[in-house]
Amino acid sequence: MCRNITTLRGLEPPATDEEITAAALQFVRKVTGVTKVSDATREPVEQATQEITDIVTRLLDALPERRQPPKTVPPLRRAEVQARIAQRIKEREEHERLHEQGIAHTH
């Protein structure tokens, strides 16, 4: 199994839609070899991710509760990952601001 896909069943609180979607996208990336979504791959990757998200959501709802929580913490629940995501969002917003104001910058 891909080391980046963590066990979502048995989490407390339960896995969020965002965590399930992240795991589905990671699965799609792994099986397709698509590491960066482009215009040519966007639609099929998004469709597959949504379908897998729906399947996993139904599966998690149908399974009985675990006796013990999973041993690994999903990435989206780790402080260092949340900090990286926040930094990327901040950088993206700053980049968009530069575009909106017509300020020269590098890509």
N, C-alpha and C. Protein backbone atom coordinates (compact mmCIF):
# COMPACT_ATOMS: atom_id res chain seq x y z
N MET A 1 0.84 -1.18 0.00
CA MET A 1 0.00 0.00 0.00
C MET A 1 0.89 1.24 0.00
N CYS A 2 0.37 2.27 -0.60
CA CYS A 2 1.09 3.53 -0.64
C CYS A 2 1.28 4.03 0.79
N ARG A 3 2.46 4.41 1.14
CA ARG A 3 2.72 4.82 2.52
C ARG A 3 2.01 6.12 2.90
N ASN A 4 1.54 6.88 1.90
CA ASN A 4 0.88 8.15 2.20
C ASN A 4 -0.62 8.00 2.44
N ILE A 5 -1.15 6.81 2.23
CA ILE A 5 -2.56 6.59 2.50
C ILE A 5 -2.65 5.96 3.88
N THR A 6 -3.31 6.65 4.80
CA THR A 6 -3.41 6.16 6.16
C THR A 6 -4.78 5.56 6.41
N THR A 7 -4.87 4.77 7.46
CA THR A 7 -6.12 4.15 7.84
C THR A 7 -7.08 5.23 8.36
N LEU A 8 -8.26 5.27 7.79
CA LEU A 8 -9.25 6.27 8.19
C LEU A 8 -10.33 5.68 9.09
N ARG A 9 -10.49 4.39 9.06
CA ARG A 9 -11.51 3.74 9.88
C ARG A 9 -11.07 3.74 11.34
N GLY A 10 -11.96 4.16 12.21
CA GLY A 10 -11.68 4.13 13.64
C GLY A 10 -11.08 5.40 14.20
N LEU A 11 -10.97 6.42 13.38
CA LEU A 11 -10.42 7.68 13.88
C LEU A 11 -11.41 8.33 14.84
N GLU A 12 -10.87 9.06 15.79
CA GLU A 12 -11.70 9.80 16.73
C GLU A 12 -11.22 11.23 16.77
N PRO A 13 -11.94 12.21 16.30
CA PRO A 13 -13.26 12.09 15.69
C PRO A 13 -13.16 11.39 14.33
N PRO A 14 -14.29 10.94 13.80
CA PRO A 14 -14.29 10.20 12.53
C PRO A 14 -13.63 10.98 11.40
N ALA A 15 -13.19 10.24 10.39
CA ALA A 15 -12.55 10.86 9.23
C ALA A 15 -13.46 11.90 8.60
N THR A 16 -12.86 13.02 8.23
CA THR A 16 -13.62 14.10 7.61
C THR A 16 -13.71 13.86 6.10
N ASP A 17 -14.61 14.58 5.45
CA ASP A 17 -14.72 14.50 3.99
C ASP A 17 -13.39 14.89 3.35
N GLU A 18 -12.73 15.89 3.91
CA GLU A 18 -11.44 16.34 3.38
C GLU A 18 -10.38 15.23 3.47
N GLU A 19 -10.35 14.51 4.58
CA GLU A 19 -9.38 13.42 4.74
C GLU A 19 -9.67 12.27 3.78
N ILE A 20 -10.94 11.97 3.59
CA ILE A 20 -11.31 10.89 2.67
C ILE A 20 -10.95 11.29 1.24
N THR A 21 -11.24 12.52 0.86
CA THR A 21 -10.90 12.99 -0.48
C THR A 21 -9.39 13.01 -0.69
N ALA A 22 -8.63 13.42 0.30
CA ALA A 22 -7.16 13.43 0.19
C ALA A 22 -6.62 12.02 -0.02
N ALA A 23 -7.18 11.05 0.70
CA ALA A 23 -6.74 9.66 0.53
C ALA A 23 -7.12 9.15 -0.86
N ALA A 24 -8.31 9.51 -1.33
CA ALA A 24 -8.75 9.09 -2.66
C ALA A 24 -7.84 9.68 -3.74
N LEU A 25 -7.51 10.96 -3.61
CA LEU A 25 -6.62 11.60 -4.58
C LEU A 25 -5.24 10.95 -4.56
N GLN A 26 -4.74 10.63 -3.38
CA GLN A 26 -3.44 9.98 -3.27
C GLN A 26 -3.47 8.62 -3.96
N PHE A 27 -4.56 7.89 -3.79
CA PHE A 27 -4.72 6.59 -4.45
C PHE A 27 -4.73 6.76 -5.96
N VAL A 28 -5.50 7.72 -6.46
CA VAL A 28 -5.57 7.97 -7.90
C VAL A 28 -4.19 8.34 -8.44
N ARG A 29 -3.48 9.20 -7.74
CA ARG A 29 -2.14 9.57 -8.18
C ARG A 29 -1.21 8.37 -8.23
N LYS A 30 -1.31 7.52 -7.23
CA LYS A 30 -0.43 6.35 -7.16
C LYS A 30 -0.69 5.38 -8.31
N VAL A 31 -1.96 5.04 -8.55
CA VAL A 31 -2.26 4.03 -9.57
C VAL A 31 -2.10 4.57 -11.00
N THR A 32 -2.21 5.89 -11.18
CA THR A 32 -2.08 6.45 -12.53
C THR A 32 -0.69 6.97 -12.84
N GLY A 33 0.08 7.27 -11.81
CA GLY A 33 1.39 7.86 -12.03
C GLY A 33 1.31 9.35 -12.29
N VAL A 34 0.12 9.94 -12.15
CA VAL A 34 -0.05 11.38 -12.34
C VAL A 34 0.37 12.06 -11.05
N THR A 35 1.48 12.77 -11.09
CA THR A 35 1.96 13.43 -9.88
C THR A 35 1.49 14.87 -9.80
N LYS A 36 1.27 15.48 -10.96
CA LYS A 36 0.78 16.85 -10.99
C LYS A 36 -0.35 16.92 -12.01
N VAL A 37 -1.51 17.36 -11.56
CA VAL A 37 -2.67 17.41 -12.43
C VAL A 37 -2.49 18.54 -13.45
N SER A 38 -2.71 18.21 -14.72
CA SER A 38 -2.63 19.20 -15.80
C SER A 38 -4.01 19.36 -16.42
N ASP A 39 -4.11 20.24 -17.38
CA ASP A 39 -5.39 20.41 -18.07
C ASP A 39 -5.83 19.10 -18.74
N ALA A 40 -4.87 18.33 -19.24
CA ALA A 40 -5.18 17.08 -19.92
C ALA A 40 -5.65 15.98 -18.97
N THR A 41 -5.22 16.04 -17.71
CA THR A 41 -5.57 14.98 -16.76
C THR A 41 -6.60 15.40 -15.72
N ARG A 42 -6.89 16.69 -15.65
CA ARG A 42 -7.76 17.21 -14.58
C ARG A 42 -9.11 16.51 -14.50
N GLU A 43 -9.85 16.46 -15.59
CA GLU A 43 -11.21 15.90 -15.55
C GLU A 43 -11.23 14.43 -15.13
N PRO A 44 -10.43 13.55 -15.77
CA PRO A 44 -10.49 12.15 -15.34
C PRO A 44 -9.99 11.93 -13.91
N VAL A 45 -8.99 12.69 -13.49
CA VAL A 45 -8.47 12.55 -12.12
C VAL A 45 -9.53 13.02 -11.12
N GLU A 46 -10.16 14.16 -11.39
CA GLU A 46 -11.20 14.65 -10.48
C GLU A 46 -12.39 13.71 -10.41
N GLN A 47 -12.79 13.16 -11.56
CA GLN A 47 -13.93 12.24 -11.59
C GLN A 47 -13.60 10.97 -10.81
N ALA A 48 -12.43 10.39 -11.04
CA ALA A 48 -12.03 9.18 -10.33
C ALA A 48 -11.92 9.45 -8.83
N THR A 49 -11.35 10.58 -8.47
CA THR A 49 -11.21 10.93 -7.05
C THR A 49 -12.58 11.04 -6.39
N GLN A 50 -13.54 11.67 -7.07
CA GLN A 50 -14.88 11.80 -6.51
C GLN A 50 -15.56 10.44 -6.36
N GLU A 51 -15.41 9.59 -7.36
CA GLU A 51 -16.02 8.26 -7.29
C GLU A 51 -15.42 7.44 -6.15
N ILE A 52 -14.11 7.49 -6.00
CA ILE A 52 -13.45 6.75 -4.93
C ILE A 52 -13.82 7.33 -3.58
N THR A 53 -13.91 8.65 -3.49
CA THR A 53 -14.35 9.30 -2.24
C THR A 53 -15.74 8.80 -1.85
N ASP A 54 -16.65 8.74 -2.80
CA ASP A 54 -18.01 8.26 -2.52
C ASP A 54 -18.00 6.81 -2.05
N ILE A 55 -17.21 5.98 -2.72
CA ILE A 55 -17.13 4.56 -2.36
C ILE A 55 -16.56 4.39 -0.95
N VAL A 56 -15.48 5.10 -0.66
CA VAL A 56 -14.83 4.98 0.65
C VAL A 56 -15.76 5.50 1.75
N THR A 57 -16.48 6.59 1.48
CA THR A 57 -17.42 7.12 2.47
C THR A 57 -18.48 6.07 2.79
N ARG A 58 -19.05 5.45 1.76
CA ARG A 58 -20.06 4.40 2.00
C ARG A 58 -19.45 3.22 2.74
N LEU A 59 -18.24 2.84 2.37
CA LEU A 59 -17.57 1.72 3.01
C LEU A 59 -17.33 1.99 4.49
N LEU A 60 -16.80 3.16 4.81
CA LEU A 60 -16.54 3.50 6.21
C LEU A 60 -17.83 3.53 7.02
N ASP A 61 -18.91 4.00 6.40
CA ASP A 61 -20.22 4.03 7.08
C ASP A 61 -20.76 2.62 7.32
N ALA A 62 -20.46 1.70 6.42
CA ALA A 62 -21.01 0.34 6.51
C ALA A 62 -20.23 -0.58 7.45
N LEU A 63 -18.95 -0.30 7.66
CA LEU A 63 -18.12 -1.18 8.49
C LEU A 63 -18.41 -0.97 9.98
N PRO A 64 -18.26 -2.04 10.76
CA PRO A 64 -18.43 -1.88 12.21
C PRO A 64 -17.27 -1.06 12.78
N GLU A 65 -17.49 -0.53 13.98
CA GLU A 65 -16.44 0.25 14.63
C GLU A 65 -15.23 -0.62 14.93
N ARG A 66 -14.07 0.01 14.93
CA ARG A 66 -12.83 -0.70 15.29
C ARG A 66 -12.74 -0.81 16.80
N ARG A 67 -12.07 -1.84 17.23
CA ARG A 67 -11.86 -1.99 18.68
C ARG A 67 -10.77 -1.06 19.18
N GLN A 68 -9.79 -0.79 18.31
CA GLN A 68 -8.70 0.11 18.67
C GLN A 68 -8.50 1.10 17.53
N PRO A 69 -8.10 2.31 17.85
CA PRO A 69 -7.87 3.31 16.80
C PRO A 69 -6.66 2.91 15.95
N PRO A 70 -6.56 3.45 14.73
CA PRO A 70 -5.40 3.16 13.89
C PRO A 70 -4.11 3.66 14.56
N LYS A 71 -3.00 3.04 14.18
CA LYS A 71 -1.71 3.38 14.79
C LYS A 71 -1.11 4.66 14.23
N THR A 72 -1.50 5.03 13.02
CA THR A 72 -0.93 6.23 12.41
C THR A 72 -1.96 7.36 12.40
N VAL A 73 -1.46 8.56 12.47
CA VAL A 73 -2.31 9.75 12.45
C VAL A 73 -2.36 10.24 11.00
N PRO A 74 -3.56 10.45 10.46
CA PRO A 74 -3.64 10.94 9.07
C PRO A 74 -2.89 12.26 8.92
N PRO A 75 -2.30 12.48 7.74
CA PRO A 75 -1.51 13.69 7.52
C PRO A 75 -2.26 14.98 7.85
N LEU A 76 -3.53 15.06 7.47
CA LEU A 76 -4.27 16.31 7.69
C LEU A 76 -4.49 16.61 9.17
N ARG A 77 -4.18 15.66 10.05
CA ARG A 77 -4.31 15.89 11.49
C ARG A 77 -2.97 16.20 12.15
N ARG A 78 -1.91 16.27 11.35
CA ARG A 78 -0.58 16.56 11.89
C ARG A 78 -0.29 18.05 11.81
N ALA A 79 0.23 18.60 12.89
CA ALA A 79 0.49 20.04 12.96
C ALA A 79 1.45 20.50 11.87
N GLU A 80 2.49 19.73 11.59
CA GLU A 80 3.47 20.15 10.59
C GLU A 80 2.86 20.19 9.19
N VAL A 81 1.94 19.30 8.91
CA VAL A 81 1.27 19.29 7.61
C VAL A 81 0.33 20.49 7.52
N GLN A 82 -0.41 20.76 8.57
CA GLN A 82 -1.29 21.92 8.58
C GLN A 82 -0.50 23.21 8.39
N ALA A 83 0.68 23.28 8.98
CA ALA A 83 1.53 24.47 8.82
C ALA A 83 1.98 24.62 7.37
N ARG A 84 2.36 23.50 6.71
CA ARG A 84 2.76 23.56 5.30
C ARG A 84 1.60 23.99 4.42
N ILE A 85 0.40 23.46 4.69
CA ILE A 85 -0.78 23.84 3.92
C ILE A 85 -1.06 25.32 4.08
N ALA A 86 -1.01 25.81 5.31
CA ALA A 86 -1.25 27.24 5.58
C ALA A 86 -0.23 28.11 4.84
N GLN A 87 1.03 27.68 4.82
CA GLN A 87 2.08 28.43 4.13
C GLN A 87 1.83 28.47 2.63
N ARG A 88 1.42 27.33 2.04
CA ARG A 88 1.11 27.28 0.61
C ARG A 88 -0.05 28.20 0.27
N ILE A 89 -1.08 28.20 1.11
CA ILE A 89 -2.23 29.07 0.88
C ILE A 89 -1.80 30.53 0.94
N LYS A 90 -0.99 30.86 1.92
CA LYS A 90 -0.49 32.24 2.08
C LYS A 90 0.30 32.66 0.84
N GLU A 91 1.18 31.77 0.35
CA GLU A 91 1.99 32.08 -0.82
C GLU A 91 1.12 32.23 -2.07
N ARG A 92 0.13 31.36 -2.22
CA ARG A 92 -0.78 31.43 -3.36
C ARG A 92 -1.57 32.73 -3.34
N GLU A 93 -2.06 33.12 -2.17
CA GLU A 93 -2.81 34.38 -2.06
C GLU A 93 -1.92 35.58 -2.38
N GLU A 94 -0.68 35.54 -1.93
CA GLU A 94 0.25 36.63 -2.23
C GLU A 94 0.53 36.68 -3.73
N HIS A 95 0.70 35.55 -4.36
CA HIS A 95 0.95 35.48 -5.80
C HIS A 95 -0.25 36.06 -6.56
N GLU A 96 -1.46 35.68 -6.16
CA GLU A 96 -2.66 36.20 -6.81
C GLU A 96 -2.77 37.71 -6.61
N ARG A 97 -2.39 38.19 -5.43
CA ARG A 97 -2.42 39.62 -5.15
C ARG A 97 -1.47 40.36 -6.09
N LEU A 98 -0.27 39.81 -6.30
CA LEU A 98 0.69 40.43 -7.22
C LEU A 98 0.12 40.51 -8.63
N HIS A 99 -0.55 39.44 -9.07
CA HIS A 99 -1.17 39.45 -10.39
C HIS A 99 -2.25 40.53 -10.47
N GLU A 100 -3.11 40.58 -9.47
CA GLU A 100 -4.21 41.54 -9.47
C GLU A 100 -3.69 42.98 -9.50
N GLN A 101 -2.58 43.25 -8.85
CA GLN A 101 -2.03 44.61 -8.79
C GLN A 101 -1.06 44.89 -9.93
N GLY A 102 -0.81 43.87 -10.77
CA GLY A 102 0.08 44.06 -11.91
C GLY A 102 1.53 44.24 -11.52
N ILE A 103 1.92 43.69 -10.38
CA ILE A 103 3.29 43.81 -9.90
C ILE A 103 4.13 42.69 -10.51
N ALA A 104 5.28 43.07 -11.05
CA ALA A 104 6.17 42.09 -11.67
C ALA A 104 6.68 41.11 -10.61
N HIS A 105 6.73 39.84 -11.00
CA HIS A 105 7.22 38.80 -10.10
C HIS A 105 7.64 37.60 -10.93
N THR A 106 8.26 36.64 -10.29
CA THR A 106 8.68 35.43 -11.01
C THR A 106 7.73 34.28 -10.68
N HIS A 107 7.71 33.32 -11.57
CA HIS A 107 6.89 32.11 -11.36
C HIS A 107 7.79 30.95 -11.10
